[in-house]
Amino acid sequence: MPIDAARALAAAPRTREISWTPRDVQLYHLGLGAGVPATDPGELRYTLETRLHVLPSFATVAGGGAPGVIGALSMPGIDVDLARVLHGGQSLTVHRSLPAAGTATATSRITAVHDKGTAAVLVLRTEATDPGGPLWTEEARIFVRGEGGWGGDRGPAARPEAPAGDPLRTVERPVREDQALLYRLTGDRNPLHADPAFARAAGFDRPVLHGLCTYGMALKAVVDTLLDGDVTRVRSYGTRFAGVVYPGETLCVRMWPSPSLPRSLSPSLPSPSPSWGSASASGSTSGAGRVRVVVSAVEREDAPVLADTVVDHD
């Protein structure tokens, strides 16, 4: 079997030193579509080094990118075809605000291998620390099509109910035709996002946008719309990748404040406070809270893109 679950789980953690500069942060934000309008003070927080704030999802690319999909496939006990791999979900817990420049130690290991019958799911956990202590913890969930069926643990099945009622806020965010090509420069060079022939071999009509780019775009929409642009208020963020995005499409981001929700997306990560904030007349939230988010592709009749998405904040 190409996936040896016992070997993957028993493998020693991999540790590497990572570092980043304000230039890396700016490039990441630009890869998410930040900087439009270019003179907007809210956008300059993401693009101008003299007032740079770091969106917490930058953790996924800090130091040239966390191991993620490519890194998980190089772990002991994992030997599969990249064209059969999909990024299934991502979770992040922020222990401290991310600095615009830094050096940290990132430690990664496979913490679970689930048998979904028609696919295997790998869970890769990465913890980043610096001399001041823990910075962030993230988990990537990676689907490998055709590698299930060996009788292993299926993993957690519970999922939160869909948000009820009308969203508090709805915004649309365009995806540039060249956005995947720009986002690749942050470190994820998977040819699925650039090579038409590879994309067709993987079952797609054309190259698709990185799931982590959509992930970052959605978090930026929540921060800008509900958290007064304050990136330091984000405490955790998790999502399930429900569908692909093609460059040139438009994302519809719907947001609901919500009471507590089972942490089924990432049960091994710390569970933040279940309280949630009230909405002001402008649509922003104050105090500790939780926001449910659903993202869809406008041009494909609101085809699901991100689901089971939660942002916990101060």
Protein backbone atom coordinates (compact mmCIF):
# COMPACT_ATOMS: atom_id res chain seq x y z
CA MET A 1 0.00 0.00 0.00
CA PRO A 2 1.48 3.41 -0.95
CA ILE A 3 0.41 4.79 2.44
CA ASP A 4 1.87 2.96 5.43
CA ALA A 5 -0.18 4.52 8.23
CA ALA A 6 1.79 2.94 11.06
CA ARG A 7 5.10 4.12 9.65
CA ALA A 8 3.79 7.64 8.98
CA LEU A 9 2.45 8.00 12.52
CA ALA A 10 5.62 6.63 14.10
CA ALA A 11 7.98 8.86 12.14
CA ALA A 12 10.00 11.43 14.08
CA PRO A 13 8.87 15.05 13.73
CA ARG A 14 10.64 17.17 11.15
CA THR A 15 12.06 20.46 12.36
CA ARG A 16 13.26 23.38 10.28
CA GLU A 17 14.23 26.98 10.86
CA ILE A 18 12.06 29.52 9.05
CA SER A 19 12.39 33.26 8.66
CA TRP A 20 10.52 36.01 6.89
CA THR A 21 10.76 39.72 6.16
CA PRO A 22 8.24 42.49 5.48
CA ARG A 23 8.74 41.81 1.77
CA ASP A 24 7.44 38.25 2.24
CA VAL A 25 4.40 39.56 4.12
CA GLN A 26 3.69 42.15 1.42
CA LEU A 27 3.98 39.54 -1.34
CA TYR A 28 1.55 37.26 0.50
CA HIS A 29 -0.99 40.04 0.94
CA LEU A 30 -0.68 41.02 -2.73
CA GLY A 31 -1.21 37.36 -3.63
CA LEU A 32 -4.55 37.56 -1.81
CA GLY A 33 -5.59 40.60 -3.83
CA ALA A 34 -4.71 43.26 -1.23
CA GLY A 35 -3.88 46.77 -2.39
CA VAL A 36 -7.09 47.66 -4.23
CA PRO A 37 -7.64 50.60 -4.13
CA ALA A 38 -3.90 51.20 -3.84
CA THR A 39 -4.26 54.41 -1.77
CA ASP A 40 -6.94 53.09 0.61
CA PRO A 41 -5.59 53.39 4.19
CA GLY A 42 -7.16 50.02 5.00
CA GLU A 43 -5.27 48.37 2.16
CA LEU A 44 -2.00 50.14 2.98
CA ARG A 45 -1.95 48.21 6.26
CA TYR A 46 -1.29 45.14 4.13
CA THR A 47 1.07 46.64 1.54
CA LEU A 48 3.14 49.50 3.02
CA GLU A 49 6.13 48.48 5.16
CA THR A 50 5.90 51.52 7.43
CA ARG A 51 2.47 50.47 8.74
CA LEU A 52 2.47 46.74 7.97
CA HIS A 53 0.04 44.45 9.79
CA VAL A 54 0.30 40.68 9.31
CA LEU A 55 -2.82 38.68 8.46
CA PRO A 56 -2.62 35.53 10.65
CA SER A 57 -3.06 33.20 7.67
CA PHE A 58 0.44 34.32 6.60
CA ALA A 59 1.52 31.45 8.87
CA THR A 60 0.72 29.07 6.00
CA VAL A 61 3.51 30.54 3.86
CA ALA A 62 5.98 31.92 6.42
CA GLY A 63 9.51 30.85 5.59
CA GLY A 64 8.57 29.84 2.05
CA GLY A 65 5.49 27.88 3.01
CA ALA A 66 4.65 25.32 5.68
CA PRO A 67 5.15 21.70 4.55
CA GLY A 68 1.45 21.49 3.61
CA VAL A 69 0.47 19.14 0.81
CA ILE A 70 3.92 18.73 -0.73
CA GLY A 71 5.59 18.30 2.65
CA ALA A 72 3.11 15.69 3.83
CA LEU A 73 3.75 13.59 0.74
CA SER A 74 7.47 13.47 1.54
CA MET A 75 6.92 12.08 5.04
CA PRO A 76 7.99 8.48 5.79
CA GLY A 77 5.31 5.96 4.84
CA ILE A 78 3.75 8.25 2.20
CA ASP A 79 4.34 7.50 -1.49
CA VAL A 80 1.49 8.70 -3.69
CA ASP A 81 0.84 10.45 -7.00
CA LEU A 82 0.53 14.23 -6.56
CA ALA A 83 -2.20 14.33 -9.23
CA ARG A 84 -4.46 12.29 -6.89
CA VAL A 85 -4.05 14.67 -3.97
CA LEU A 86 -6.42 17.42 -2.80
CA HIS A 87 -6.10 19.81 0.11
CA GLY A 88 -9.13 18.98 2.24
CA GLY A 89 -9.00 21.54 5.02
CA GLN A 90 -6.88 23.86 7.14
CA SER A 91 -6.95 25.01 10.75
CA LEU A 92 -4.89 27.66 12.52
CA THR A 93 -4.54 28.73 16.15
CA VAL A 94 -2.65 31.97 16.77
CA HIS A 95 -0.81 32.12 20.11
CA ARG A 96 0.59 35.63 19.59
CA SER A 97 0.34 38.31 16.93
CA LEU A 98 2.65 37.54 14.02
CA PRO A 99 5.54 40.00 13.60
CA ALA A 100 6.29 41.55 10.21
CA ALA A 101 9.79 40.03 10.37
CA GLY A 102 10.90 37.02 12.36
CA THR A 103 12.71 33.73 12.75
CA ALA A 104 11.07 30.63 14.21
CA THR A 105 11.39 26.87 14.54
CA ALA A 106 8.65 24.91 12.75
CA THR A 107 8.06 21.30 13.79
CA SER A 108 5.80 19.09 11.66
CA ARG A 109 4.51 15.54 11.90
CA ILE A 110 1.65 13.36 10.69
CA THR A 111 -0.79 13.09 13.61
CA ALA A 112 -3.53 11.00 11.96
CA VAL A 113 -4.21 8.86 8.89
CA HIS A 114 -7.90 8.25 8.24
CA ASP A 115 -9.48 5.65 5.95
CA LYS A 116 -12.45 7.18 4.12
CA GLY A 117 -13.01 4.15 1.89
CA THR A 118 -12.38 5.77 -1.47
CA ALA A 119 -9.62 8.03 -0.12
CA ALA A 120 -7.09 8.39 2.66
CA VAL A 121 -6.86 11.57 4.74
CA LEU A 122 -3.53 12.69 6.18
CA VAL A 123 -3.44 15.19 9.04
CA LEU A 124 -0.21 17.19 9.17
CA ARG A 125 0.34 19.32 12.25
CA THR A 126 2.92 22.12 12.36
CA GLU A 127 3.89 24.11 15.45
CA ALA A 128 5.98 27.28 15.20
CA THR A 129 7.90 28.77 18.12
CA ASP A 130 10.43 31.56 18.54
CA PRO A 131 12.49 32.67 21.57
CA GLY A 132 9.34 34.26 23.00
CA GLY A 133 7.42 30.95 22.96
CA PRO A 134 4.69 29.46 20.73
CA LEU A 135 3.62 31.54 17.74
CA TRP A 136 1.06 29.39 15.94
CA THR A 137 -0.23 25.85 15.49
CA GLU A 138 -1.76 24.72 12.22
CA GLU A 139 -3.17 21.54 10.75
CA ALA A 140 -3.52 20.61 7.09
CA ARG A 141 -5.91 17.83 6.07
CA ILE A 142 -4.91 16.18 2.81
CA PHE A 143 -7.10 13.84 0.74
CA VAL A 144 -5.40 11.18 -1.36
CA ARG A 145 -7.93 9.75 -3.81
CA GLY A 146 -7.93 5.99 -4.33
CA GLU A 147 -5.80 5.22 -1.26
CA GLY A 148 -8.50 4.24 1.26
CA GLY A 149 -10.10 0.89 1.95
CA TRP A 150 -7.51 -0.79 4.19
CA GLY A 151 -9.86 -0.94 7.19
CA GLY A 152 -8.37 1.92 9.18
CA ASP A 153 -10.07 4.46 11.43
CA ARG A 154 -12.44 6.70 9.46
CA GLY A 155 -11.77 9.67 11.72
CA PRO A 156 -14.26 12.24 13.03
CA ALA A 157 -17.52 12.41 11.11
CA ALA A 158 -19.41 15.18 12.94
CA ARG A 159 -19.80 18.47 11.09
CA PRO A 160 -21.45 21.69 12.25
CA GLU A 161 -24.87 22.56 10.94
CA ALA A 162 -25.00 25.19 8.23
CA PRO A 163 -25.59 28.75 9.50
CA ALA A 164 -29.27 29.63 9.77
CA GLY A 165 -30.96 32.81 8.60
CA ASP A 166 -29.58 35.65 6.55
CA PRO A 167 -25.87 36.46 6.87
CA LEU A 168 -24.86 39.54 8.84
CA ARG A 169 -22.69 40.71 5.97
CA THR A 170 -22.05 39.59 2.39
CA VAL A 171 -19.12 40.80 0.30
CA GLU A 172 -17.75 39.84 -3.09
CA ARG A 173 -14.05 39.54 -3.86
CA PRO A 174 -12.75 39.20 -7.46
CA VAL A 175 -10.01 36.67 -8.25
CA ARG A 176 -7.56 37.96 -10.83
CA GLU A 177 -6.74 35.88 -13.90
CA ASP A 178 -3.09 35.79 -12.83
CA GLN A 179 -3.69 35.42 -9.11
CA ALA A 180 -2.60 31.77 -8.87
CA LEU A 181 0.62 32.63 -10.71
CA LEU A 182 1.33 35.44 -8.25
CA TYR A 183 0.38 33.39 -5.18
CA ARG A 184 2.78 30.61 -6.27
CA LEU A 185 5.65 33.00 -5.52
CA THR A 186 4.89 32.66 -1.80
CA GLY A 187 6.22 29.09 -1.94
CA ASP A 188 3.56 26.65 -3.18
CA ARG A 189 4.77 25.62 -6.66
CA ASN A 190 2.30 22.76 -7.15
CA PRO A 191 1.82 22.61 -10.95
CA LEU A 192 -1.92 22.12 -10.43
CA HIS A 193 -2.13 25.90 -10.11
CA ALA A 194 -0.18 26.80 -13.26
CA ASP A 195 0.23 23.92 -15.73
CA PRO A 196 -2.89 23.22 -17.88
CA ALA A 197 -1.73 19.70 -18.77
CA PHE A 198 -1.14 18.78 -15.14
CA ALA A 199 -4.52 20.26 -14.16
CA ARG A 200 -6.26 18.13 -16.81
CA ALA A 201 -4.47 15.01 -15.56
CA ALA A 202 -5.81 15.83 -12.09
CA GLY A 203 -9.37 16.08 -13.46
CA PHE A 204 -9.77 19.86 -13.85
CA ASP A 205 -10.53 21.86 -16.99
CA ARG A 206 -7.72 24.30 -16.26
CA PRO A 207 -5.40 25.32 -13.39
CA VAL A 208 -7.19 26.13 -10.14
CA LEU A 209 -6.49 28.69 -7.44
CA HIS A 210 -4.64 27.49 -4.35
CA GLY A 211 -7.07 26.57 -1.59
CA LEU A 212 -4.85 28.47 0.84
CA CYS A 213 -5.19 31.59 -1.30
CA THR A 214 -8.98 31.38 -0.99
CA TYR A 215 -8.45 30.68 2.73
CA GLY A 216 -6.46 33.89 3.12
CA MET A 217 -8.89 35.94 1.02
CA ALA A 218 -11.82 34.83 3.18
CA LEU A 219 -10.02 35.70 6.42
CA LYS A 220 -9.08 39.12 5.07
CA ALA A 221 -12.74 39.72 4.17
CA VAL A 222 -13.80 38.89 7.75
CA VAL A 223 -11.09 41.06 9.31
CA ASP A 224 -11.85 44.02 7.04
CA THR A 225 -15.63 43.71 7.31
CA LEU A 226 -16.33 42.63 10.90
CA LEU A 227 -13.14 43.17 12.93
CA ASP A 228 -12.42 46.79 12.01
CA GLY A 229 -9.34 45.73 10.07
CA ASP A 230 -7.59 44.60 13.27
CA VAL A 231 -5.61 41.44 12.44
CA THR A 232 -4.55 41.02 16.08
CA ARG A 233 -8.13 40.11 17.07
CA VAL A 234 -8.04 36.75 15.25
CA ARG A 235 -7.45 33.82 17.61
CA SER A 236 -8.24 30.79 15.44
CA TYR A 237 -9.46 30.01 11.96
CA GLY A 238 -10.52 26.76 10.34
CA THR A 239 -12.17 25.67 7.12
CA ARG A 240 -13.04 22.72 4.90
CA PHE A 241 -12.24 23.09 1.20
CA ALA A 242 -15.58 22.24 -0.41
CA GLY A 243 -14.76 23.07 -4.03
CA VAL A 244 -12.27 24.70 -6.34
CA VAL A 245 -11.91 28.29 -7.49
CA TYR A 246 -10.79 29.18 -11.00
CA PRO A 247 -8.77 32.35 -11.57
CA GLY A 248 -11.02 35.06 -12.98
CA GLU A 249 -14.03 34.10 -10.86
CA THR A 250 -15.68 36.09 -8.07
CA LEU A 251 -15.88 34.90 -4.48
CA CYS A 252 -19.03 35.55 -2.47
CA VAL A 253 -18.18 35.66 1.25
CA ARG A 254 -21.16 35.37 3.62
CA MET A 255 -20.67 35.96 7.36
CA TRP A 256 -22.73 35.20 10.48
CA PRO A 257 -21.91 35.83 14.14
CA SER A 258 -22.54 32.52 15.88
CA PRO A 259 -22.70 30.91 19.33
CA SER A 260 -20.38 28.04 20.22
CA LEU A 261 -19.80 25.31 17.65
CA PRO A 262 -18.20 21.85 17.93
CA ARG A 263 -14.50 22.01 17.06
CA SER A 264 -14.83 19.10 14.65
CA LEU A 265 -12.61 20.80 12.12
CA SER A 266 -9.58 20.34 14.35
CA PRO A 267 -10.34 18.58 17.63
CA SER A 268 -6.68 18.45 18.69
CA LEU A 269 -6.26 22.23 18.61
CA PRO A 270 -7.12 24.39 21.64
CA SER A 271 -10.78 25.34 21.77
CA PRO A 272 -11.34 29.10 22.08
CA SER A 273 -14.07 30.73 24.13
CA PRO A 274 -17.59 29.86 22.93
CA SER A 275 -18.86 33.40 23.50
CA TRP A 276 -19.66 35.62 20.55
CA GLY A 277 -19.79 39.34 19.92
CA SER A 278 -22.64 41.64 19.07
CA ALA A 279 -22.90 43.44 15.75
CA SER A 280 -22.80 47.20 15.51
CA ALA A 281 -24.88 49.19 13.09
CA SER A 282 -21.93 49.18 10.67
CA GLY A 283 -21.72 45.41 10.78
CA SER A 284 -18.53 45.17 12.85
CA THR A 285 -18.31 43.02 15.98
CA SER A 286 -16.99 44.05 19.37
CA GLY A 287 -15.66 41.83 22.13
CA ALA A 288 -14.83 38.13 21.99
CA GLY A 289 -16.79 36.22 19.42
CA ARG A 290 -17.11 33.70 16.66
CA VAL A 291 -17.98 34.25 13.02
CA ARG A 292 -19.31 31.55 10.70
CA VAL A 293 -18.33 31.96 7.08
CA VAL A 294 -19.48 30.40 3.80
CA VAL A 295 -17.66 31.12 0.53
CA SER A 296 -18.99 30.34 -2.95
CA ALA A 297 -18.15 31.04 -6.60
CA VAL A 298 -20.59 33.57 -8.06
CA GLU A 299 -20.20 32.64 -11.73
CA ARG A 300 -20.98 28.95 -11.09
CA GLU A 301 -24.36 29.53 -9.43
CA ASP A 302 -22.82 29.91 -5.96
CA ALA A 303 -20.90 26.64 -6.13
CA PRO A 304 -19.49 25.91 -2.64
CA VAL A 305 -15.83 26.77 -2.13
CA LEU A 306 -15.23 26.99 1.66
CA ALA A 307 -17.56 25.33 4.18
CA ASP A 308 -17.62 24.63 7.94
CA THR A 309 -15.58 27.82 8.28
CA VAL A 310 -15.07 29.46 11.67
CA VAL A 311 -13.15 32.54 12.81
CA ASP A 312 -12.74 33.00 16.57
CA HIS A 313 -11.69 36.45 17.70
CA ASP A 314 -11.21 38.80 20.62
